[in-house]
Amino acid sequence: MKFAWFFPLVLFAMSGCSSKVQFAPTAVLPMADNLFISPVDITDPKELFELSSEQQVQLNQTLSNKPKFMSVQRWLAKQLSVAEGGFTYKDRYTQLPHDSFDERLGNCMSLTLVAAAMAEKMGLAVTFQKVEVPPVWDLDSNYLIINDHINLKVHKKHQSNVIETSKKQVTIDFMPERTLTALKVQSISKDYVIAMYYNNMAVESLIDGNIDQSYWLVKKALEHKHDYEVAINTLALVYRRAQRDDLAEQTYLYGLGLNAETQTLVNNYAILLGSQDRLEEWAYFHKQLHKFNMNNPYYFYAQAERAYSQGNFDLAIYQYNQALTKAKYRYEFHLGLAKSYRQLKQMTKAQLHYQKAEQLLPDGVDISAKRSWIMASR
């Protein structure tokens, strides 16, 4: 999974005022190498598509047992299948192909890279694809993170002396429970994929509090795709964490000059303006924020939590359900419904949603303390 955008969870009151404030986009993306300690090591892009020599031998040995009736493409897809136990999907787990190959574990970015490396060693051609899916929202340490989705197609390499009666392309996708039918797919370059990888790593470093490492990683992402709005947003957040709001503002304006309707750039820039009490300028962007919030499940989640804390459990249930319509896979929303129904003594519904929350729990999260209260018969 590619980390795309993230921003502090700050809620502003709605306002209907208008503004005639004009903004001039920044012509040059500001870089500030002198502010950040140089990294000891940053992964070479070549490593993003490589397996070790030992892993190549292991792959060839396994391939030699392929059923004769099965195409190489189908065999590879089967080997990588999450459903059949070949690999395990784990969100927020970006790593290199040789690590994913050994651990049989990773997010969609990691697993796509290992799939591409395996396909390359098997003589197959690869096409990377960005899938235009509804955003996958997540919440971590006061940040909202939106993940884009990437997969790949594998097919035989074209040979000028061979006429193919069937292209036999196979799409390999690692998003759990994702239906790809009728979704818009865009083929992307290796440089785009490399930029996505480095931005992933930059976001993970920033969440871990390593601002210096995050800066150099996002700079690397922008070297491979200079107009990558996702990485531009990450760079602005690095500057904010480094307490350089002046550079953050220039970065937001540069990104908005590329696309004035980029959701997270608008949202994050508005947050910066609000933090500085520049309310007239903030209002310039505010009309768009309401539209964005209507697609943000955590907007409804925040409203639900507020209603719950005030004892308005019926309203809380409504808001939790609104959040679920945007992101059915989040355990927090089901847990909120379980608590609310428990308060209303609707035990069957409370227990149903608690069980759903348990099924969706990510690694390391424990909600068992609430189990006896919610699952009690009375």
Protein backbone atom coordinates (compact mmCIF):
# COMPACT_ATOMS: atom_id res chain seq x y z
CA MET A 1 0.00 0.00 0.00
CA LYS A 2 1.31 3.42 -0.85
CA PHE A 3 1.05 6.10 1.81
CA ALA A 4 -0.33 9.04 0.02
CA TRP A 5 -1.35 11.96 2.16
CA PHE A 6 -1.52 12.64 5.86
CA PHE A 7 -2.35 15.61 8.02
CA PRO A 8 -2.98 16.50 11.66
CA LEU A 9 -6.50 15.70 12.79
CA VAL A 10 -7.76 19.25 13.33
CA LEU A 11 -11.44 20.17 13.01
CA PHE A 12 -12.52 23.74 12.17
CA ALA A 13 -15.99 25.26 12.57
CA MET A 14 -17.85 25.75 9.30
CA SER A 15 -18.11 29.26 7.96
CA GLY A 16 -20.10 30.74 5.11
CA CYS A 17 -18.05 33.89 4.60
CA SER A 18 -16.42 34.61 1.27
CA SER A 19 -13.01 36.04 0.49
CA LYS A 20 -11.33 37.88 -2.35
CA VAL A 21 -7.84 36.93 -1.22
CA GLN A 22 -5.59 36.00 -4.14
CA PHE A 23 -2.73 33.48 -3.93
CA ALA A 24 0.30 33.38 -6.17
CA PRO A 25 1.74 29.89 -6.66
CA THR A 26 5.39 29.41 -5.76
CA ALA A 27 7.43 28.94 -8.92
CA VAL A 28 10.17 26.77 -7.39
CA LEU A 29 9.81 23.95 -4.88
CA PRO A 30 11.86 24.98 -1.83
CA MET A 31 14.49 22.49 -0.72
CA ALA A 32 16.51 23.05 2.46
CA ASP A 33 19.27 20.46 2.69
CA ASN A 34 21.16 22.57 5.23
CA LEU A 35 18.40 22.12 7.83
CA PHE A 36 18.60 18.33 7.98
CA ILE A 37 21.34 15.91 8.98
CA SER A 38 22.53 13.91 5.99
CA PRO A 39 21.46 10.26 6.12
CA VAL A 40 23.95 7.47 6.65
CA ASP A 41 22.36 5.40 3.92
CA ILE A 42 19.40 5.57 1.54
CA THR A 43 18.39 2.55 -0.49
CA ASP A 44 19.61 2.49 -4.08
CA PRO A 45 16.62 2.43 -6.48
CA LYS A 46 18.05 -0.69 -8.16
CA GLU A 47 17.36 -2.66 -4.97
CA LEU A 48 13.64 -2.03 -5.38
CA PHE A 49 13.47 -4.59 -8.18
CA GLU A 50 16.10 -7.16 -7.16
CA LEU A 51 16.27 -10.54 -5.44
CA SER A 52 19.44 -12.05 -4.01
CA SER A 53 21.25 -14.78 -5.94
CA GLU A 54 20.15 -17.32 -3.31
CA GLN A 55 16.54 -16.25 -3.69
CA GLN A 56 16.79 -16.61 -7.47
CA VAL A 57 17.98 -20.20 -7.03
CA GLN A 58 15.11 -20.88 -4.63
CA LEU A 59 12.63 -19.37 -7.09
CA ASN A 60 13.94 -21.48 -9.97
CA GLN A 61 13.74 -24.64 -7.88
CA THR A 62 10.12 -23.92 -6.96
CA LEU A 63 9.28 -23.03 -10.56
CA SER A 64 10.60 -26.39 -11.77
CA ASN A 65 7.64 -28.04 -9.98
CA LYS A 66 5.06 -25.96 -11.85
CA PRO A 67 2.21 -28.05 -13.32
CA LYS A 68 2.65 -28.37 -17.07
CA PHE A 69 -0.87 -27.17 -17.83
CA MET A 70 -0.41 -23.89 -15.91
CA SER A 71 1.02 -20.76 -17.53
CA VAL A 72 4.00 -19.13 -15.89
CA GLN A 73 1.91 -16.02 -15.24
CA ARG A 74 -0.81 -17.98 -13.44
CA TRP A 75 1.76 -19.92 -11.45
CA LEU A 76 3.36 -16.69 -10.25
CA ALA A 77 -0.01 -15.25 -9.26
CA LYS A 78 -0.77 -18.42 -7.31
CA GLN A 79 2.59 -18.28 -5.53
CA LEU A 80 1.89 -14.71 -4.47
CA SER A 81 -1.72 -15.23 -3.52
CA VAL A 82 -2.65 -13.84 -0.12
CA ALA A 83 -5.81 -15.95 -0.12
CA GLU A 84 -3.87 -19.18 -0.64
CA GLY A 85 -1.27 -18.39 1.99
CA GLY A 86 1.75 -17.69 -0.22
CA PHE A 87 2.19 -14.17 1.13
CA THR A 88 0.52 -12.22 3.91
CA TYR A 89 -0.75 -8.67 3.52
CA LYS A 90 0.31 -6.26 6.28
CA ASP A 91 -0.55 -2.59 6.10
CA ARG A 92 2.16 0.01 6.78
CA TYR A 93 4.95 -2.45 6.10
CA THR A 94 7.08 -1.09 3.26
CA GLN A 95 10.26 -3.02 2.59
CA LEU A 96 12.57 -4.23 -0.18
CA PRO A 97 11.80 -7.29 -2.34
CA HIS A 98 14.48 -9.50 -0.82
CA ASP A 99 13.00 -8.88 2.64
CA SER A 100 9.43 -9.48 1.48
CA PHE A 101 10.54 -12.66 -0.30
CA ASP A 102 12.02 -14.10 2.91
CA GLU A 103 9.29 -12.91 5.27
CA ARG A 104 6.39 -13.56 2.87
CA LEU A 105 4.93 -10.36 4.27
CA GLY A 106 4.27 -6.74 3.25
CA ASN A 107 1.84 -4.05 2.18
CA CYS A 108 0.69 -3.71 -1.42
CA MET A 109 3.78 -1.66 -2.34
CA SER A 110 6.17 -4.26 -0.87
CA LEU A 111 4.33 -7.21 -2.38
CA THR A 112 4.05 -5.52 -5.77
CA LEU A 113 7.81 -4.95 -5.78
CA VAL A 114 8.61 -8.56 -4.86
CA ALA A 115 6.15 -9.75 -7.52
CA ALA A 116 7.89 -7.58 -10.10
CA ALA A 117 11.32 -8.87 -9.05
CA MET A 118 10.14 -12.48 -9.28
CA ALA A 119 8.51 -11.88 -12.67
CA GLU A 120 11.68 -10.31 -14.01
CA LYS A 121 13.76 -13.35 -12.99
CA MET A 122 11.18 -15.59 -14.69
CA GLY A 123 11.49 -13.70 -17.99
CA LEU A 124 8.08 -12.07 -17.77
CA ALA A 125 7.21 -8.50 -18.65
CA VAL A 126 5.67 -6.28 -15.99
CA THR A 127 3.34 -3.29 -16.15
CA PHE A 128 2.83 -1.31 -12.95
CA GLN A 129 -0.63 0.10 -12.40
CA LYS A 130 -2.09 2.77 -10.17
CA VAL A 131 -5.67 1.80 -9.39
CA GLU A 132 -8.15 4.63 -8.93
CA VAL A 133 -9.96 3.24 -5.89
CA PRO A 134 -11.80 5.13 -3.18
CA PRO A 135 -9.15 6.20 -0.65
CA VAL A 136 -8.29 3.85 2.18
CA TRP A 137 -8.33 5.95 5.33
CA ASP A 138 -6.34 5.21 8.44
CA LEU A 139 -5.51 7.01 11.66
CA ASP A 140 -2.20 6.98 13.46
CA SER A 141 -0.72 9.19 16.16
CA ASN A 142 -2.82 12.29 15.41
CA TYR A 143 -2.34 11.94 11.68
CA LEU A 144 -4.75 10.95 8.98
CA ILE A 145 -3.17 8.82 6.29
CA ILE A 146 -4.74 8.15 2.93
CA ASN A 147 -3.37 5.26 0.94
CA ASP A 148 -3.37 4.98 -2.83
CA HIS A 149 -3.32 1.55 -4.41
CA ILE A 150 -0.81 -0.09 -6.74
CA ASN A 151 -0.76 -3.48 -8.48
CA LEU A 152 0.84 -4.99 -11.57
CA LYS A 153 0.14 -6.97 -14.71
CA VAL A 154 2.49 -9.75 -15.80
CA HIS A 155 2.67 -11.17 -19.30
CA LYS A 156 5.12 -12.79 -21.66
CA LYS A 157 7.70 -10.55 -23.25
CA HIS A 158 7.05 -9.73 -26.89
CA GLN A 159 9.11 -11.71 -29.37
CA SER A 160 9.21 -10.45 -32.94
CA ASN A 161 9.27 -13.98 -34.42
CA VAL A 162 6.34 -15.27 -32.36
CA ILE A 163 2.65 -14.64 -33.01
CA GLU A 164 0.70 -14.68 -29.75
CA THR A 165 -2.84 -16.05 -30.02
CA SER A 166 -3.56 -14.83 -26.50
CA LYS A 167 -1.79 -12.17 -24.47
CA LYS A 168 -2.48 -14.11 -21.26
CA GLN A 169 -2.03 -11.08 -19.06
CA VAL A 170 -2.53 -11.69 -15.37
CA THR A 171 -3.20 -8.94 -12.85
CA ILE A 172 -1.67 -9.49 -9.42
CA ASP A 173 -3.31 -7.46 -6.68
CA PHE A 174 -2.74 -7.57 -2.94
CA MET A 175 -5.49 -5.40 -1.50
CA PRO A 176 -7.67 -7.61 0.70
CA GLU A 177 -11.31 -7.78 -0.38
CA ARG A 178 -10.75 -5.34 -3.21
CA THR A 179 -12.95 -5.72 -6.27
CA LEU A 180 -11.18 -4.34 -9.32
CA THR A 181 -14.06 -4.61 -11.77
CA ALA A 182 -14.89 -1.29 -13.48
CA LEU A 183 -12.21 0.64 -11.58
CA LYS A 184 -10.03 3.06 -13.51
CA VAL A 185 -6.47 1.82 -13.93
CA GLN A 186 -3.49 3.91 -15.01
CA SER A 187 -0.21 2.39 -16.18
CA ILE A 188 2.72 4.10 -14.46
CA SER A 189 6.46 4.19 -15.01
CA LYS A 190 9.21 2.71 -12.88
CA ASP A 191 10.17 6.21 -11.79
CA TYR A 192 6.62 6.74 -10.54
CA VAL A 193 6.84 3.49 -8.56
CA ILE A 194 10.22 4.50 -7.13
CA ALA A 195 8.79 7.86 -6.05
CA MET A 196 5.88 6.06 -4.38
CA TYR A 197 8.29 3.80 -2.49
CA TYR A 198 10.47 6.64 -1.17
CA ASN A 199 7.40 8.64 -0.17
CA ASN A 200 6.12 5.59 1.73
CA MET A 201 9.38 5.39 3.61
CA ALA A 202 9.39 9.16 4.24
CA VAL A 203 5.94 8.99 5.80
CA GLU A 204 6.89 6.02 7.97
CA SER A 205 10.02 7.87 9.15
CA LEU A 206 8.01 10.99 9.94
CA ILE A 207 5.48 9.02 11.97
CA ASP A 208 8.43 7.49 13.85
CA GLY A 209 9.74 10.99 14.61
CA ASN A 210 12.79 10.84 12.34
CA ILE A 211 12.41 14.19 10.59
CA ASP A 212 15.90 14.21 9.05
CA GLN A 213 15.49 10.80 7.44
CA SER A 214 12.02 11.73 6.25
CA TYR A 215 13.34 14.83 4.49
CA TRP A 216 16.00 12.98 2.52
CA LEU A 217 13.60 10.20 1.56
CA VAL A 218 10.94 12.56 0.27
CA LYS A 219 13.62 14.51 -1.59
CA LYS A 220 14.57 11.24 -3.26
CA ALA A 221 10.93 10.67 -4.21
CA LEU A 222 10.76 14.10 -5.84
CA GLU A 223 13.96 13.45 -7.78
CA HIS A 224 12.12 10.63 -9.53
CA LYS A 225 8.84 12.52 -10.01
CA HIS A 226 9.22 16.25 -9.46
CA ASP A 227 5.50 17.02 -9.77
CA TYR A 228 4.37 14.25 -7.42
CA GLU A 229 1.71 16.02 -5.34
CA VAL A 230 1.70 13.28 -2.71
CA ALA A 231 5.41 13.79 -1.99
CA ILE A 232 5.05 17.58 -2.14
CA ASN A 233 2.50 17.30 0.65
CA THR A 234 4.87 15.09 2.67
CA LEU A 235 7.69 17.61 2.21
CA ALA A 236 5.46 20.40 3.54
CA LEU A 237 4.66 18.33 6.61
CA VAL A 238 8.36 17.68 7.19
CA TYR A 239 8.91 21.44 7.22
CA ARG A 240 6.03 21.89 9.66
CA ARG A 241 7.51 19.28 11.99
CA ALA A 242 10.85 21.11 11.68
CA GLN A 243 9.05 24.33 12.75
CA ARG A 244 9.63 26.00 9.40
CA ASP A 245 6.13 27.08 8.49
CA ASP A 246 7.54 29.55 5.97
CA LEU A 247 8.99 26.71 3.91
CA ALA A 248 5.87 24.62 4.44
CA GLU A 249 3.72 27.43 3.05
CA GLN A 250 5.92 27.85 -0.01
CA THR A 251 5.68 24.09 -0.57
CA TYR A 252 1.88 24.06 -0.29
CA LEU A 253 1.63 26.96 -2.73
CA TYR A 254 3.94 25.19 -5.16
CA GLY A 255 1.76 22.09 -5.03
CA LEU A 256 -1.46 24.06 -5.37
CA GLY A 257 0.06 25.74 -8.42
CA LEU A 258 0.24 22.28 -10.00
CA ASN A 259 -3.30 21.33 -8.97
CA ALA A 260 -5.41 23.78 -7.01
CA GLU A 261 -7.94 21.09 -6.10
CA THR A 262 -5.61 18.56 -4.49
CA GLN A 263 -7.55 17.59 -1.39
CA THR A 264 -4.74 17.23 1.10
CA LEU A 265 -2.79 20.26 -0.03
CA VAL A 266 -5.90 22.41 0.37
CA ASN A 267 -6.71 20.80 3.71
CA ASN A 268 -3.22 21.01 5.14
CA TYR A 269 -2.61 24.54 3.94
CA ALA A 270 -5.90 25.60 5.54
CA ILE A 271 -4.73 24.00 8.80
CA LEU A 272 -1.49 25.99 8.60
CA LEU A 273 -3.40 29.23 7.97
CA GLY A 274 -5.79 28.49 10.83
CA SER A 275 -2.90 27.83 13.23
CA GLN A 276 -1.61 31.32 12.44
CA ASP A 277 -5.05 32.97 12.87
CA ARG A 278 -5.02 34.05 9.22
CA LEU A 279 -8.76 33.57 9.09
CA GLU A 280 -9.50 35.61 5.98
CA GLU A 281 -7.02 33.56 3.98
CA TRP A 282 -8.24 30.36 5.63
CA ALA A 283 -11.79 31.17 4.48
CA TYR A 284 -10.52 31.32 0.88
CA PHE A 285 -10.04 27.54 0.96
CA HIS A 286 -12.79 26.69 3.36
CA LYS A 287 -15.62 26.06 0.90
CA GLN A 288 -13.71 23.12 -0.54
CA LEU A 289 -13.04 21.60 2.87
CA HIS A 290 -16.68 20.78 3.52
CA LYS A 291 -16.84 18.79 0.29
CA PHE A 292 -13.67 16.93 1.25
CA ASN A 293 -14.99 16.21 4.76
CA MET A 294 -18.07 14.56 3.31
CA ASN A 295 -15.75 11.87 1.90
CA ASN A 296 -13.63 11.59 5.05
CA PRO A 297 -14.84 8.82 7.38
CA TYR A 298 -12.90 10.27 10.30
CA TYR A 299 -14.86 13.51 10.03
CA PHE A 300 -17.98 11.50 10.87
CA TYR A 301 -16.05 9.46 13.44
CA ALA A 302 -15.06 12.65 15.28
CA GLN A 303 -18.68 13.77 15.30
CA ALA A 304 -19.75 10.34 16.60
CA GLU A 305 -17.18 10.39 19.40
CA ARG A 306 -18.35 13.85 20.44
CA ALA A 307 -22.00 12.75 20.46
CA TYR A 308 -21.10 9.65 22.49
CA SER A 309 -19.19 11.69 25.08
CA GLN A 310 -22.25 13.92 25.43
CA GLY A 311 -24.54 10.93 25.98
CA ASN A 312 -26.36 11.35 22.65
CA PHE A 313 -26.11 7.69 21.67
CA ASP A 314 -28.68 7.78 18.86
CA LEU A 315 -26.75 10.55 17.12
CA ALA A 316 -23.49 8.70 17.76
CA ILE A 317 -24.91 5.60 16.06
CA TYR A 318 -25.94 7.67 13.06
CA GLN A 319 -22.47 9.23 12.74
CA TYR A 320 -20.62 5.92 13.24
CA ASN A 321 -22.77 4.43 10.47
CA GLN A 322 -21.94 7.39 8.24
CA ALA A 323 -18.25 6.67 8.83
CA LEU A 324 -18.81 3.00 7.99
CA THR A 325 -20.31 3.89 4.62
CA LYS A 326 -16.93 5.45 3.75
CA ALA A 327 -14.65 2.81 5.29
CA LYS A 328 -16.24 -0.50 6.26
CA TYR A 329 -12.92 -2.04 7.24
CA ARG A 330 -12.16 0.16 10.28
CA TYR A 331 -12.57 -1.58 13.63
CA GLU A 332 -12.98 1.76 15.49
CA PHE A 333 -16.32 2.43 13.81
CA HIS A 334 -17.72 -0.98 14.72
CA LEU A 335 -16.41 -0.60 18.27
CA GLY A 336 -18.13 2.77 18.53
CA LEU A 337 -21.39 1.22 17.40
CA ALA A 338 -20.94 -1.61 19.90
CA LYS A 339 -20.48 0.87 22.76
CA SER A 340 -23.44 2.98 21.67
CA TYR A 341 -25.82 0.05 21.28
CA ARG A 342 -24.65 -1.25 24.67
CA GLN A 343 -25.57 2.08 26.24
CA LEU A 344 -29.04 1.76 24.70
CA LYS A 345 -29.26 -1.87 25.95
CA GLN A 346 -29.58 -3.19 22.40
CA MET A 347 -27.35 -6.13 23.22
CA THR A 348 -27.65 -8.17 20.01
CA LYS A 349 -26.46 -5.26 17.88
CA ALA A 350 -23.78 -4.36 20.41
CA GLN A 351 -22.35 -7.87 20.38
CA LEU A 352 -22.53 -8.13 16.58
CA HIS A 353 -20.49 -4.96 16.08
CA TYR A 354 -18.00 -5.90 18.81
CA GLN A 355 -17.36 -9.20 17.02
CA LYS A 356 -16.86 -7.34 13.73
CA ALA A 357 -14.42 -5.00 15.45
CA GLU A 358 -12.44 -7.97 16.75
CA GLN A 359 -12.24 -9.45 13.25
CA LEU A 360 -10.80 -6.20 11.87
CA LEU A 361 -8.22 -5.53 14.59
CA PRO A 362 -4.72 -4.71 13.29
CA ASP A 363 -1.66 -6.27 14.89
CA GLY A 364 -0.85 -4.89 18.33
CA VAL A 365 -4.31 -3.48 19.09
CA ASP A 366 -6.19 -4.90 22.08
CA ILE A 367 -9.83 -4.07 22.87
CA SER A 368 -10.42 -7.00 25.22
CA ALA A 369 -10.91 -4.69 28.20
CA LYS A 370 -14.30 -3.72 26.76
CA ARG A 371 -15.33 -7.27 25.97
CA SER A 372 -16.97 -8.25 29.27
CA TRP A 373 -19.04 -5.04 29.38
CA ILE A 374 -20.22 -5.17 25.76
CA MET A 375 -20.73 -8.94 25.54
CA ALA A 376 -22.63 -9.20 28.85
CA SER A 377 -26.15 -10.57 28.41
CA ARG A 378 -27.64 -7.64 30.30
